[in-house]
N, C-alpha and C. Protein backbone atom coordinates (compact mmCIF):
# COMPACT_ATOMS: atom_id res chain seq x y z
N MET A 1 10.26 28.29 -16.10
CA MET A 1 10.50 26.85 -16.08
C MET A 1 9.48 26.20 -15.14
N VAL A 2 9.18 24.91 -15.42
CA VAL A 2 8.18 24.22 -14.63
C VAL A 2 8.67 24.05 -13.20
N GLN A 3 7.73 24.02 -12.29
CA GLN A 3 8.04 23.84 -10.87
C GLN A 3 7.86 22.38 -10.49
N ALA A 4 8.83 21.82 -9.78
CA ALA A 4 8.75 20.43 -9.38
C ALA A 4 7.65 20.24 -8.35
N ALA A 5 6.97 19.10 -8.45
CA ALA A 5 5.92 18.78 -7.48
C ALA A 5 6.36 17.58 -6.66
N PRO A 6 5.92 17.49 -5.43
CA PRO A 6 6.28 16.32 -4.64
C PRO A 6 5.68 15.06 -5.23
N GLU A 7 6.50 14.03 -5.39
CA GLU A 7 6.03 12.79 -5.98
C GLU A 7 5.61 11.82 -4.89
N PRO A 8 4.49 11.09 -5.10
CA PRO A 8 4.06 10.16 -4.07
C PRO A 8 5.15 9.16 -3.73
N ALA A 9 5.36 8.93 -2.44
CA ALA A 9 6.37 7.97 -2.03
C ALA A 9 5.91 6.55 -2.33
N PRO A 10 6.83 5.65 -2.68
CA PRO A 10 6.45 4.26 -2.92
C PRO A 10 5.76 3.67 -1.69
N GLU A 11 4.69 2.96 -1.91
CA GLU A 11 3.93 2.40 -0.80
C GLU A 11 4.48 1.02 -0.43
N SER A 12 4.52 0.73 0.87
CA SER A 12 4.98 -0.58 1.34
C SER A 12 3.81 -1.47 1.73
N ASP A 13 2.60 -0.97 1.59
CA ASP A 13 1.40 -1.71 1.95
C ASP A 13 0.81 -2.35 0.69
N PRO A 14 0.99 -3.66 0.49
CA PRO A 14 0.51 -4.29 -0.74
C PRO A 14 -1.01 -4.25 -0.88
N LEU A 15 -1.74 -4.27 0.23
CA LEU A 15 -3.20 -4.21 0.13
C LEU A 15 -3.65 -2.82 -0.32
N ARG A 16 -2.94 -1.79 0.11
CA ARG A 16 -3.24 -0.43 -0.34
C ARG A 16 -3.06 -0.33 -1.85
N GLU A 17 -1.95 -0.88 -2.35
CA GLU A 17 -1.69 -0.86 -3.79
C GLU A 17 -2.75 -1.67 -4.54
N ARG A 18 -3.15 -2.77 -3.96
CA ARG A 18 -4.19 -3.61 -4.57
C ARG A 18 -5.51 -2.84 -4.68
N LEU A 19 -5.84 -2.10 -3.64
CA LEU A 19 -7.06 -1.28 -3.66
C LEU A 19 -6.96 -0.16 -4.70
N LEU A 20 -5.80 0.47 -4.79
CA LEU A 20 -5.63 1.55 -5.77
C LEU A 20 -5.74 1.02 -7.20
N ASP A 21 -5.15 -0.14 -7.45
CA ASP A 21 -5.26 -0.75 -8.78
C ASP A 21 -6.72 -1.08 -9.09
N ALA A 22 -7.42 -1.66 -8.11
CA ALA A 22 -8.82 -2.01 -8.31
C ALA A 22 -9.66 -0.76 -8.52
N ALA A 23 -9.41 0.29 -7.74
CA ALA A 23 -10.15 1.53 -7.89
C ALA A 23 -9.94 2.13 -9.28
N ALA A 24 -8.73 2.06 -9.78
CA ALA A 24 -8.44 2.59 -11.12
C ALA A 24 -9.23 1.82 -12.18
N ARG A 25 -9.29 0.50 -12.05
CA ARG A 25 -10.02 -0.30 -13.04
C ARG A 25 -11.52 -0.01 -13.00
N VAL A 26 -12.08 0.06 -11.77
CA VAL A 26 -13.52 0.31 -11.64
C VAL A 26 -13.85 1.73 -12.09
N PHE A 27 -13.03 2.69 -11.71
CA PHE A 27 -13.22 4.07 -12.11
C PHE A 27 -13.21 4.18 -13.63
N ALA A 28 -12.27 3.47 -14.28
CA ALA A 28 -12.17 3.50 -15.74
C ALA A 28 -13.42 2.92 -16.39
N ALA A 29 -13.97 1.87 -15.77
CA ALA A 29 -15.13 1.19 -16.35
C ALA A 29 -16.45 1.88 -16.06
N LYS A 30 -16.60 2.45 -14.87
CA LYS A 30 -17.91 2.96 -14.44
C LYS A 30 -17.96 4.48 -14.26
N GLY A 31 -16.82 5.14 -14.32
CA GLY A 31 -16.81 6.57 -14.08
C GLY A 31 -16.87 6.89 -12.60
N TYR A 32 -16.70 8.15 -12.28
CA TYR A 32 -16.64 8.56 -10.87
C TYR A 32 -17.98 8.36 -10.17
N SER A 33 -19.04 8.90 -10.75
CA SER A 33 -20.35 8.83 -10.07
C SER A 33 -20.88 7.41 -10.00
N GLY A 34 -20.44 6.55 -10.94
CA GLY A 34 -20.94 5.17 -10.95
C GLY A 34 -20.14 4.22 -10.08
N THR A 35 -19.04 4.68 -9.52
CA THR A 35 -18.19 3.82 -8.70
C THR A 35 -18.65 3.82 -7.26
N ARG A 36 -18.78 2.63 -6.69
CA ARG A 36 -19.13 2.47 -5.29
C ARG A 36 -18.00 1.73 -4.58
N ILE A 37 -17.89 1.98 -3.30
CA ILE A 37 -16.84 1.31 -2.52
C ILE A 37 -16.94 -0.20 -2.65
N MET A 38 -18.17 -0.73 -2.64
CA MET A 38 -18.33 -2.18 -2.74
C MET A 38 -17.83 -2.71 -4.08
N ASP A 39 -17.93 -1.89 -5.13
CA ASP A 39 -17.39 -2.30 -6.43
C ASP A 39 -15.88 -2.47 -6.35
N VAL A 40 -15.23 -1.52 -5.68
CA VAL A 40 -13.77 -1.58 -5.54
C VAL A 40 -13.38 -2.77 -4.66
N VAL A 41 -14.13 -2.97 -3.58
CA VAL A 41 -13.86 -4.09 -2.67
C VAL A 41 -13.96 -5.41 -3.42
N ALA A 42 -15.02 -5.56 -4.22
CA ALA A 42 -15.21 -6.80 -4.97
C ALA A 42 -14.11 -6.99 -6.01
N GLU A 43 -13.73 -5.92 -6.69
CA GLU A 43 -12.68 -6.00 -7.70
C GLU A 43 -11.36 -6.39 -7.07
N ALA A 44 -11.09 -5.87 -5.87
CA ALA A 44 -9.82 -6.16 -5.19
C ALA A 44 -9.85 -7.50 -4.46
N GLY A 45 -11.04 -8.05 -4.24
CA GLY A 45 -11.14 -9.29 -3.49
C GLY A 45 -10.82 -9.12 -2.02
N LEU A 46 -11.16 -7.94 -1.48
CA LEU A 46 -10.87 -7.63 -0.08
C LEU A 46 -12.16 -7.29 0.66
N SER A 47 -12.01 -6.94 1.93
CA SER A 47 -13.17 -6.56 2.74
C SER A 47 -13.31 -5.04 2.77
N THR A 48 -14.51 -4.59 3.16
CA THR A 48 -14.74 -3.15 3.30
C THR A 48 -13.79 -2.55 4.33
N GLY A 49 -13.48 -3.32 5.36
CA GLY A 49 -12.56 -2.83 6.38
C GLY A 49 -11.19 -2.50 5.83
N ALA A 50 -10.77 -3.20 4.77
CA ALA A 50 -9.47 -2.93 4.16
C ALA A 50 -9.45 -1.54 3.55
N VAL A 51 -10.63 -1.10 3.04
CA VAL A 51 -10.72 0.23 2.45
C VAL A 51 -10.68 1.30 3.54
N TYR A 52 -11.58 1.20 4.49
CA TYR A 52 -11.70 2.26 5.49
C TYR A 52 -10.56 2.25 6.51
N GLY A 53 -9.78 1.17 6.53
CA GLY A 53 -8.59 1.17 7.35
C GLY A 53 -7.46 1.94 6.72
N ARG A 54 -7.62 2.28 5.43
CA ARG A 54 -6.55 2.96 4.70
C ARG A 54 -6.99 4.28 4.06
N PHE A 55 -8.28 4.43 3.82
CA PHE A 55 -8.80 5.64 3.18
C PHE A 55 -10.03 6.11 3.95
N GLY A 56 -10.16 7.41 4.11
CA GLY A 56 -11.25 7.94 4.88
C GLY A 56 -12.60 7.88 4.19
N SER A 57 -12.58 7.85 2.85
CA SER A 57 -13.83 7.87 2.09
C SER A 57 -13.57 7.42 0.66
N LYS A 58 -14.66 7.27 -0.08
CA LYS A 58 -14.54 6.96 -1.50
C LYS A 58 -13.74 8.05 -2.20
N ASN A 59 -13.99 9.30 -1.85
CA ASN A 59 -13.26 10.41 -2.47
C ASN A 59 -11.76 10.29 -2.24
N ASP A 60 -11.37 9.94 -1.01
CA ASP A 60 -9.95 9.79 -0.70
C ASP A 60 -9.34 8.68 -1.56
N LEU A 61 -10.04 7.56 -1.66
CA LEU A 61 -9.54 6.43 -2.43
C LEU A 61 -9.40 6.78 -3.90
N LEU A 62 -10.43 7.37 -4.49
CA LEU A 62 -10.40 7.67 -5.91
C LEU A 62 -9.42 8.79 -6.21
N ARG A 63 -9.32 9.77 -5.30
CA ARG A 63 -8.36 10.85 -5.52
C ARG A 63 -6.94 10.30 -5.59
N GLU A 64 -6.61 9.40 -4.66
CA GLU A 64 -5.25 8.84 -4.68
C GLU A 64 -5.04 7.93 -5.88
N ALA A 65 -6.09 7.20 -6.27
CA ALA A 65 -5.96 6.35 -7.44
C ALA A 65 -5.68 7.19 -8.69
N VAL A 66 -6.40 8.30 -8.83
CA VAL A 66 -6.19 9.18 -9.98
C VAL A 66 -4.78 9.74 -9.97
N CYS A 67 -4.36 10.24 -8.82
CA CYS A 67 -3.05 10.88 -8.73
C CYS A 67 -1.92 9.88 -8.95
N SER A 68 -1.96 8.76 -8.22
CA SER A 68 -0.84 7.83 -8.27
C SER A 68 -0.77 7.09 -9.60
N ARG A 69 -1.91 6.64 -10.13
CA ARG A 69 -1.89 5.86 -11.37
C ARG A 69 -1.67 6.76 -12.58
N SER A 70 -2.26 7.95 -12.59
CA SER A 70 -2.01 8.88 -13.68
C SER A 70 -0.55 9.31 -13.68
N ALA A 71 -0.02 9.61 -12.50
CA ALA A 71 1.38 10.01 -12.40
C ALA A 71 2.31 8.89 -12.85
N ALA A 72 1.97 7.65 -12.50
CA ALA A 72 2.80 6.51 -12.90
C ALA A 72 2.81 6.36 -14.42
N ARG A 73 1.65 6.53 -15.06
CA ARG A 73 1.60 6.42 -16.52
C ARG A 73 2.39 7.54 -17.18
N LEU A 74 2.21 8.76 -16.69
CA LEU A 74 2.93 9.89 -17.26
C LEU A 74 4.43 9.76 -17.03
N ARG A 75 4.81 9.27 -15.86
CA ARG A 75 6.22 9.04 -15.57
C ARG A 75 6.80 8.01 -16.53
N SER A 76 6.02 6.96 -16.81
CA SER A 76 6.47 5.93 -17.75
C SER A 76 6.65 6.52 -19.15
N ASP A 77 5.73 7.40 -19.55
CA ASP A 77 5.84 8.04 -20.86
C ASP A 77 7.15 8.82 -20.96
N VAL A 78 7.49 9.55 -19.89
CA VAL A 78 8.70 10.36 -19.91
C VAL A 78 9.94 9.47 -19.92
N GLU A 79 9.93 8.41 -19.13
CA GLU A 79 11.13 7.59 -18.97
C GLU A 79 11.44 6.74 -20.20
N ARG A 80 10.46 6.50 -21.08
CA ARG A 80 10.74 5.64 -22.22
C ARG A 80 11.13 6.42 -23.48
N VAL A 81 11.29 7.72 -23.36
CA VAL A 81 11.72 8.52 -24.51
C VAL A 81 13.03 9.21 -24.19
N ALA A 82 13.79 9.52 -25.25
CA ALA A 82 15.08 10.18 -25.08
C ALA A 82 14.99 11.68 -25.32
N LYS A 83 13.98 12.11 -26.09
CA LYS A 83 13.83 13.52 -26.41
C LYS A 83 12.41 13.97 -26.08
N VAL A 84 12.30 15.23 -25.69
CA VAL A 84 11.00 15.73 -25.28
C VAL A 84 10.00 15.72 -26.45
N ALA A 85 10.49 15.91 -27.69
CA ALA A 85 9.59 15.87 -28.84
C ALA A 85 8.96 14.49 -29.02
N ASP A 86 9.68 13.45 -28.54
CA ASP A 86 9.15 12.09 -28.65
C ASP A 86 7.90 11.90 -27.80
N LEU A 87 7.74 12.73 -26.76
CA LEU A 87 6.51 12.66 -25.97
C LEU A 87 5.30 12.96 -26.83
N LEU A 88 5.44 13.95 -27.69
CA LEU A 88 4.35 14.30 -28.60
C LEU A 88 4.13 13.20 -29.62
N VAL A 89 5.21 12.72 -30.22
CA VAL A 89 5.11 11.69 -31.27
C VAL A 89 4.51 10.41 -30.70
N ALA A 90 5.00 9.96 -29.54
CA ALA A 90 4.53 8.70 -28.96
C ALA A 90 3.04 8.74 -28.67
N GLY A 91 2.59 9.83 -28.07
CA GLY A 91 1.16 9.94 -27.77
C GLY A 91 0.31 10.11 -29.00
N ALA A 92 0.82 10.85 -29.98
CA ALA A 92 0.04 11.15 -31.18
C ALA A 92 -0.14 9.94 -32.08
N MET A 93 0.77 8.96 -31.97
CA MET A 93 0.71 7.82 -32.87
C MET A 93 0.01 6.60 -32.24
N ARG A 94 -0.48 6.74 -31.02
CA ARG A 94 -1.20 5.61 -30.42
C ARG A 94 -2.55 5.44 -31.08
N ALA A 95 -2.90 4.20 -31.37
CA ALA A 95 -4.19 3.94 -32.01
C ALA A 95 -4.97 2.82 -31.32
N GLU A 96 -4.33 2.14 -30.37
CA GLU A 96 -4.97 1.00 -29.72
C GLU A 96 -6.05 1.48 -28.75
N PRO A 97 -6.94 0.57 -28.32
CA PRO A 97 -7.96 0.96 -27.33
C PRO A 97 -7.30 1.50 -26.06
N LEU A 98 -8.03 2.33 -25.34
CA LEU A 98 -7.49 2.93 -24.12
C LEU A 98 -7.13 1.86 -23.09
N SER A 99 -6.00 2.06 -22.43
CA SER A 99 -5.67 1.23 -21.28
C SER A 99 -6.54 1.65 -20.11
N ASP A 100 -6.56 0.83 -19.04
CA ASP A 100 -7.33 1.21 -17.85
C ASP A 100 -6.84 2.53 -17.30
N SER A 101 -5.53 2.75 -17.31
CA SER A 101 -4.98 3.99 -16.78
C SER A 101 -5.43 5.19 -17.60
N GLU A 102 -5.42 5.05 -18.92
CA GLU A 102 -5.87 6.14 -19.79
C GLU A 102 -7.36 6.39 -19.63
N ALA A 103 -8.15 5.30 -19.58
CA ALA A 103 -9.60 5.45 -19.41
C ALA A 103 -9.93 6.12 -18.09
N MET A 104 -9.20 5.75 -17.03
CA MET A 104 -9.41 6.38 -15.73
C MET A 104 -9.09 7.87 -15.81
N GLN A 105 -7.99 8.20 -16.50
CA GLN A 105 -7.62 9.61 -16.61
C GLN A 105 -8.68 10.40 -17.37
N LEU A 106 -9.20 9.82 -18.44
CA LEU A 106 -10.23 10.50 -19.21
C LEU A 106 -11.49 10.69 -18.37
N GLU A 107 -11.88 9.66 -17.64
CA GLU A 107 -13.03 9.77 -16.75
C GLU A 107 -12.79 10.84 -15.68
N ALA A 108 -11.54 10.94 -15.22
CA ALA A 108 -11.22 11.92 -14.19
C ALA A 108 -11.38 13.34 -14.69
N TYR A 109 -11.02 13.59 -15.95
CA TYR A 109 -11.19 14.93 -16.50
C TYR A 109 -12.67 15.32 -16.53
N VAL A 110 -13.53 14.35 -16.82
CA VAL A 110 -14.97 14.63 -16.83
C VAL A 110 -15.46 14.89 -15.40
N ALA A 111 -15.02 14.02 -14.46
CA ALA A 111 -15.46 14.16 -13.07
C ALA A 111 -14.94 15.45 -12.44
N ALA A 112 -13.76 15.92 -12.89
CA ALA A 112 -13.14 17.10 -12.28
C ALA A 112 -14.00 18.35 -12.42
N ARG A 113 -14.90 18.35 -13.39
CA ARG A 113 -15.78 19.51 -13.58
C ARG A 113 -16.67 19.74 -12.36
N ARG A 114 -17.01 18.66 -11.66
CA ARG A 114 -17.91 18.78 -10.50
C ARG A 114 -17.26 18.35 -9.19
N GLU A 115 -16.10 17.72 -9.27
CA GLU A 115 -15.47 17.18 -8.06
C GLU A 115 -14.09 17.83 -7.86
N PRO A 116 -14.01 18.82 -6.97
CA PRO A 116 -12.74 19.53 -6.75
C PRO A 116 -11.59 18.61 -6.35
N GLU A 117 -11.89 17.53 -5.61
CA GLU A 117 -10.82 16.64 -5.18
C GLU A 117 -10.21 15.90 -6.37
N VAL A 118 -11.03 15.54 -7.34
CA VAL A 118 -10.51 14.89 -8.54
C VAL A 118 -9.69 15.88 -9.36
N ALA A 119 -10.19 17.12 -9.46
CA ALA A 119 -9.44 18.15 -10.18
C ALA A 119 -8.07 18.37 -9.53
N GLN A 120 -8.01 18.35 -8.21
CA GLN A 120 -6.75 18.51 -7.50
C GLN A 120 -5.81 17.34 -7.77
N ALA A 121 -6.37 16.13 -7.83
CA ALA A 121 -5.55 14.95 -8.12
C ALA A 121 -4.93 15.04 -9.50
N LEU A 122 -5.72 15.50 -10.48
CA LEU A 122 -5.19 15.67 -11.83
C LEU A 122 -4.09 16.73 -11.85
N ALA A 123 -4.28 17.80 -11.09
CA ALA A 123 -3.27 18.86 -11.04
C ALA A 123 -1.97 18.33 -10.44
N GLU A 124 -2.08 17.50 -9.40
CA GLU A 124 -0.88 16.93 -8.78
C GLU A 124 -0.17 15.98 -9.74
N ALA A 125 -0.94 15.16 -10.47
CA ALA A 125 -0.33 14.26 -11.45
C ALA A 125 0.37 15.04 -12.55
N ASP A 126 -0.23 16.16 -12.96
CA ASP A 126 0.37 16.99 -14.00
C ASP A 126 1.68 17.60 -13.53
N GLU A 127 1.75 18.04 -12.27
CA GLU A 127 2.98 18.61 -11.75
C GLU A 127 4.10 17.58 -11.71
N ILE A 128 3.75 16.33 -11.39
CA ILE A 128 4.75 15.26 -11.38
C ILE A 128 5.28 15.04 -12.80
N PHE A 129 4.36 15.02 -13.76
CA PHE A 129 4.76 14.87 -15.17
C PHE A 129 5.69 15.99 -15.59
N ARG A 130 5.34 17.22 -15.24
CA ARG A 130 6.13 18.37 -15.65
C ARG A 130 7.52 18.35 -15.02
N SER A 131 7.60 17.94 -13.75
CA SER A 131 8.90 17.88 -13.10
C SER A 131 9.77 16.79 -13.72
N ARG A 132 9.15 15.68 -14.12
CA ARG A 132 9.88 14.60 -14.78
C ARG A 132 10.36 15.02 -16.17
N ALA A 133 9.58 15.85 -16.85
CA ALA A 133 9.92 16.26 -18.20
C ALA A 133 10.98 17.36 -18.23
N GLU A 134 11.22 18.01 -17.10
CA GLU A 134 12.14 19.16 -17.07
C GLU A 134 13.53 18.84 -17.61
N PRO A 135 14.16 17.70 -17.25
CA PRO A 135 15.48 17.41 -17.83
C PRO A 135 15.43 17.25 -19.35
N LEU A 136 14.33 16.68 -19.87
CA LEU A 136 14.20 16.54 -21.33
C LEU A 136 14.10 17.91 -21.99
N LEU A 137 13.42 18.84 -21.33
CA LEU A 137 13.31 20.19 -21.86
C LEU A 137 14.67 20.87 -21.92
N ALA A 138 15.46 20.68 -20.88
CA ALA A 138 16.79 21.29 -20.85
C ALA A 138 17.65 20.72 -21.97
N THR A 139 17.59 19.42 -22.19
CA THR A 139 18.35 18.79 -23.27
C THR A 139 17.87 19.28 -24.63
N ALA A 140 16.57 19.44 -24.78
CA ALA A 140 16.01 19.90 -26.05
C ALA A 140 16.47 21.31 -26.39
N HIS A 141 16.60 22.17 -25.38
CA HIS A 141 17.12 23.51 -25.62
C HIS A 141 18.59 23.47 -26.02
N GLN A 142 19.32 22.52 -25.46
CA GLN A 142 20.74 22.41 -25.78
C GLN A 142 20.98 21.86 -27.18
N ASP A 143 20.19 20.85 -27.59
CA ASP A 143 20.45 20.23 -28.89
C ASP A 143 19.66 20.87 -30.04
N GLY A 144 18.86 21.89 -29.74
CA GLY A 144 18.15 22.60 -30.78
C GLY A 144 16.81 22.01 -31.16
N THR A 145 16.43 20.88 -30.53
CA THR A 145 15.11 20.31 -30.82
C THR A 145 14.00 21.28 -30.46
N LEU A 146 14.24 22.04 -29.39
CA LEU A 146 13.28 23.03 -28.92
C LEU A 146 13.99 24.39 -28.90
N ALA A 147 13.50 25.30 -29.72
CA ALA A 147 14.13 26.62 -29.79
C ALA A 147 14.07 27.31 -28.43
N LEU A 148 15.06 28.14 -28.16
CA LEU A 148 15.13 28.81 -26.86
C LEU A 148 13.95 29.74 -26.62
N ASP A 149 13.32 30.22 -27.70
CA ASP A 149 12.19 31.14 -27.51
C ASP A 149 10.84 30.41 -27.43
N VAL A 150 10.87 29.07 -27.40
CA VAL A 150 9.64 28.30 -27.19
C VAL A 150 9.44 28.12 -25.69
N ASP A 151 8.34 28.60 -25.17
CA ASP A 151 8.07 28.53 -23.74
C ASP A 151 7.85 27.07 -23.33
N PRO A 152 8.62 26.55 -22.37
CA PRO A 152 8.48 25.15 -21.95
C PRO A 152 7.09 24.81 -21.43
N ASP A 153 6.50 25.73 -20.65
CA ASP A 153 5.15 25.46 -20.12
C ASP A 153 4.14 25.35 -21.26
N ALA A 154 4.27 26.21 -22.26
CA ALA A 154 3.36 26.16 -23.40
C ALA A 154 3.55 24.86 -24.18
N PHE A 155 4.80 24.43 -24.32
CA PHE A 155 5.09 23.19 -25.05
C PHE A 155 4.46 21.99 -24.35
N LEU A 156 4.64 21.88 -23.02
CA LEU A 156 4.06 20.76 -22.30
C LEU A 156 2.54 20.81 -22.29
N TYR A 157 1.99 22.03 -22.21
CA TYR A 157 0.53 22.18 -22.28
C TYR A 157 0.01 21.69 -23.63
N PHE A 158 0.75 22.00 -24.69
CA PHE A 158 0.36 21.55 -26.02
C PHE A 158 0.38 20.03 -26.11
N ILE A 159 1.43 19.41 -25.56
CA ILE A 159 1.52 17.95 -25.58
C ILE A 159 0.34 17.34 -24.85
N ARG A 160 0.03 17.85 -23.65
CA ARG A 160 -1.07 17.29 -22.89
C ARG A 160 -2.41 17.51 -23.60
N THR A 161 -2.57 18.64 -24.27
CA THR A 161 -3.80 18.92 -25.01
C THR A 161 -3.99 17.93 -26.15
N VAL A 162 -2.92 17.67 -26.89
CA VAL A 162 -2.98 16.70 -27.99
C VAL A 162 -3.30 15.32 -27.46
N HIS A 163 -2.61 14.91 -26.40
CA HIS A 163 -2.83 13.57 -25.84
C HIS A 163 -4.26 13.40 -25.34
N LEU A 164 -4.78 14.41 -24.67
CA LEU A 164 -6.14 14.32 -24.14
C LEU A 164 -7.15 14.24 -25.27
N GLY A 165 -6.97 15.06 -26.30
CA GLY A 165 -7.88 15.02 -27.44
C GLY A 165 -7.86 13.68 -28.15
N LEU A 166 -6.68 13.10 -28.27
CA LEU A 166 -6.58 11.80 -28.93
C LEU A 166 -7.14 10.68 -28.06
N MET A 167 -7.00 10.79 -26.74
CA MET A 167 -7.63 9.80 -25.86
C MET A 167 -9.14 9.82 -26.03
N ALA A 168 -9.71 11.01 -26.13
CA ALA A 168 -11.16 11.13 -26.30
C ALA A 168 -11.59 10.49 -27.63
N GLN A 169 -10.81 10.72 -28.68
CA GLN A 169 -11.17 10.14 -29.98
C GLN A 169 -10.97 8.63 -30.00
N ARG A 170 -9.92 8.15 -29.34
CA ARG A 170 -9.74 6.70 -29.25
C ARG A 170 -10.85 6.06 -28.44
N ALA A 171 -11.30 6.75 -27.38
CA ALA A 171 -12.39 6.22 -26.56
C ALA A 171 -13.67 6.09 -27.38
N ALA A 172 -13.83 7.00 -28.33
CA ALA A 172 -15.02 6.97 -29.20
C ALA A 172 -14.80 6.12 -30.44
N SER A 173 -13.65 5.42 -30.51
CA SER A 173 -13.30 4.56 -31.65
C SER A 173 -13.26 5.32 -32.97
N LEU A 174 -12.83 6.58 -32.89
CA LEU A 174 -12.67 7.38 -34.11
C LEU A 174 -11.26 7.16 -34.65
N ALA A 175 -11.17 6.67 -35.87
CA ALA A 175 -9.88 6.31 -36.44
C ALA A 175 -9.12 7.54 -36.91
N ALA A 176 -7.80 7.43 -36.88
CA ALA A 176 -6.94 8.49 -37.41
C ALA A 176 -7.08 8.54 -38.93
N PRO A 177 -6.69 9.63 -39.58
CA PRO A 177 -6.77 9.71 -41.04
C PRO A 177 -5.98 8.57 -41.69
N PRO A 178 -6.45 8.06 -42.83
CA PRO A 178 -5.73 6.96 -43.49
C PRO A 178 -4.41 7.44 -44.09
N GLY A 179 -3.54 6.48 -44.37
CA GLY A 179 -2.28 6.82 -45.01
C GLY A 179 -1.29 7.45 -44.04
N GLU A 180 -0.33 8.17 -44.60
CA GLU A 180 0.74 8.75 -43.80
C GLU A 180 0.49 10.21 -43.44
N GLY A 181 -0.69 10.73 -43.77
CA GLY A 181 -0.96 12.14 -43.56
C GLY A 181 -0.79 12.59 -42.13
N TRP A 182 -1.30 11.80 -41.17
CA TRP A 182 -1.22 12.19 -39.77
C TRP A 182 0.23 12.19 -39.29
N ALA A 183 0.97 11.13 -39.63
CA ALA A 183 2.37 11.04 -39.21
C ALA A 183 3.19 12.20 -39.78
N GLU A 184 2.91 12.54 -41.04
CA GLU A 184 3.64 13.64 -41.67
C GLU A 184 3.31 14.98 -41.00
N LEU A 185 2.05 15.16 -40.63
CA LEU A 185 1.65 16.39 -39.96
C LEU A 185 2.35 16.51 -38.60
N ILE A 186 2.39 15.42 -37.85
CA ILE A 186 3.07 15.44 -36.55
C ILE A 186 4.55 15.75 -36.72
N ALA A 187 5.17 15.16 -37.75
CA ALA A 187 6.59 15.42 -38.01
C ALA A 187 6.82 16.90 -38.31
N ARG A 188 5.91 17.52 -39.06
CA ARG A 188 6.02 18.95 -39.35
C ARG A 188 5.89 19.79 -38.08
N ILE A 189 4.94 19.40 -37.22
CA ILE A 189 4.73 20.14 -35.99
C ILE A 189 5.98 20.06 -35.11
N VAL A 190 6.54 18.85 -34.99
CA VAL A 190 7.74 18.66 -34.18
C VAL A 190 8.89 19.51 -34.72
N ALA A 191 9.05 19.51 -36.05
CA ALA A 191 10.12 20.31 -36.66
C ALA A 191 9.91 21.79 -36.40
N GLY A 192 8.67 22.21 -36.29
CA GLY A 192 8.35 23.61 -36.09
C GLY A 192 8.74 24.14 -34.72
N PHE A 193 9.04 23.24 -33.78
CA PHE A 193 9.46 23.68 -32.45
C PHE A 193 10.93 24.08 -32.43
N GLY A 194 11.66 23.75 -33.49
CA GLY A 194 13.07 24.08 -33.54
C GLY A 194 13.30 25.52 -33.95
N PRO A 195 14.57 25.91 -34.13
CA PRO A 195 14.89 27.29 -34.52
C PRO A 195 14.19 27.67 -35.82
N ARG A 196 13.80 28.93 -35.95
CA ARG A 196 13.07 29.39 -37.12
C ARG A 196 13.97 29.65 -38.32
N GLY A 197 15.26 29.82 -38.11
CA GLY A 197 16.15 30.11 -39.23
C GLY A 197 15.88 31.48 -39.81
N ASP A 198 16.04 31.60 -41.13
CA ASP A 198 15.86 32.89 -41.79
C ASP A 198 14.49 33.02 -42.46
N ALA A 199 13.62 32.04 -42.24
CA ALA A 199 12.33 32.09 -42.92
C ALA A 199 11.48 33.21 -42.36
N GLY A 200 10.74 33.88 -43.22
CA GLY A 200 9.83 34.94 -42.82
C GLY A 200 8.57 34.36 -42.26
N PRO A 201 7.62 35.20 -41.89
CA PRO A 201 6.40 34.73 -41.23
C PRO A 201 5.53 33.87 -42.11
N HIS A 202 5.72 33.93 -43.44
CA HIS A 202 4.89 33.13 -44.34
C HIS A 202 5.72 32.08 -45.04
N GLY A 203 6.91 31.77 -44.48
CA GLY A 203 7.69 30.69 -45.04
C GLY A 203 8.65 31.15 -46.13
N SER A 204 8.65 32.41 -46.53
CA SER A 204 9.57 32.91 -47.55
C SER A 204 10.77 33.52 -46.87
N GLU A 205 11.81 33.75 -47.61
CA GLU A 205 13.01 34.36 -47.07
C GLU A 205 12.75 35.81 -46.71
N SER A 206 13.25 36.22 -45.55
CA SER A 206 13.06 37.59 -45.11
C SER A 206 13.98 38.51 -45.89
N ASP A 207 13.53 39.74 -46.08
CA ASP A 207 14.36 40.72 -46.77
C ASP A 207 15.47 41.21 -45.86
């Protein structure tokens, strides 16, 4: 079963939150290497002192922006669905342009290849998502949506893999297949997470 991760405590400093929101927007627009502290300062409408009074460096600021804003989006995804399978359906059926939070997350995955602090922030956000999803997983095992022999970690990894791949395609303005084919495929995949019944390995009845 997934291990719970410590969730960032709500901040009482409105300027800190303002800086994190601004950092997320700039990071989403310019990427990690293209983001400068002055860009964040200008976006937030604050002074440089407001940044360094709260964060030790650009890395500290961007790391917290990635962790807190990614975790908030993932938490929102979990809280607006009733079943864990809906996490897959909701993400798979999105077609609109990326939000700032999604664009920031996608940029973070690219930056994580060279920036260990960004990779750590993504790992922390993922642990928060997994801990939030744990009650949905327990319910899914109880109601049969998720068969007992389906590994929960593998299921959540699959959801995140699908969502990340679709974010990349949406970022590139690649459209989903026309018609109902994609929706039907997702419905089949979701159904496949349930009990196998008496079907054999190739879909025929077992002897």
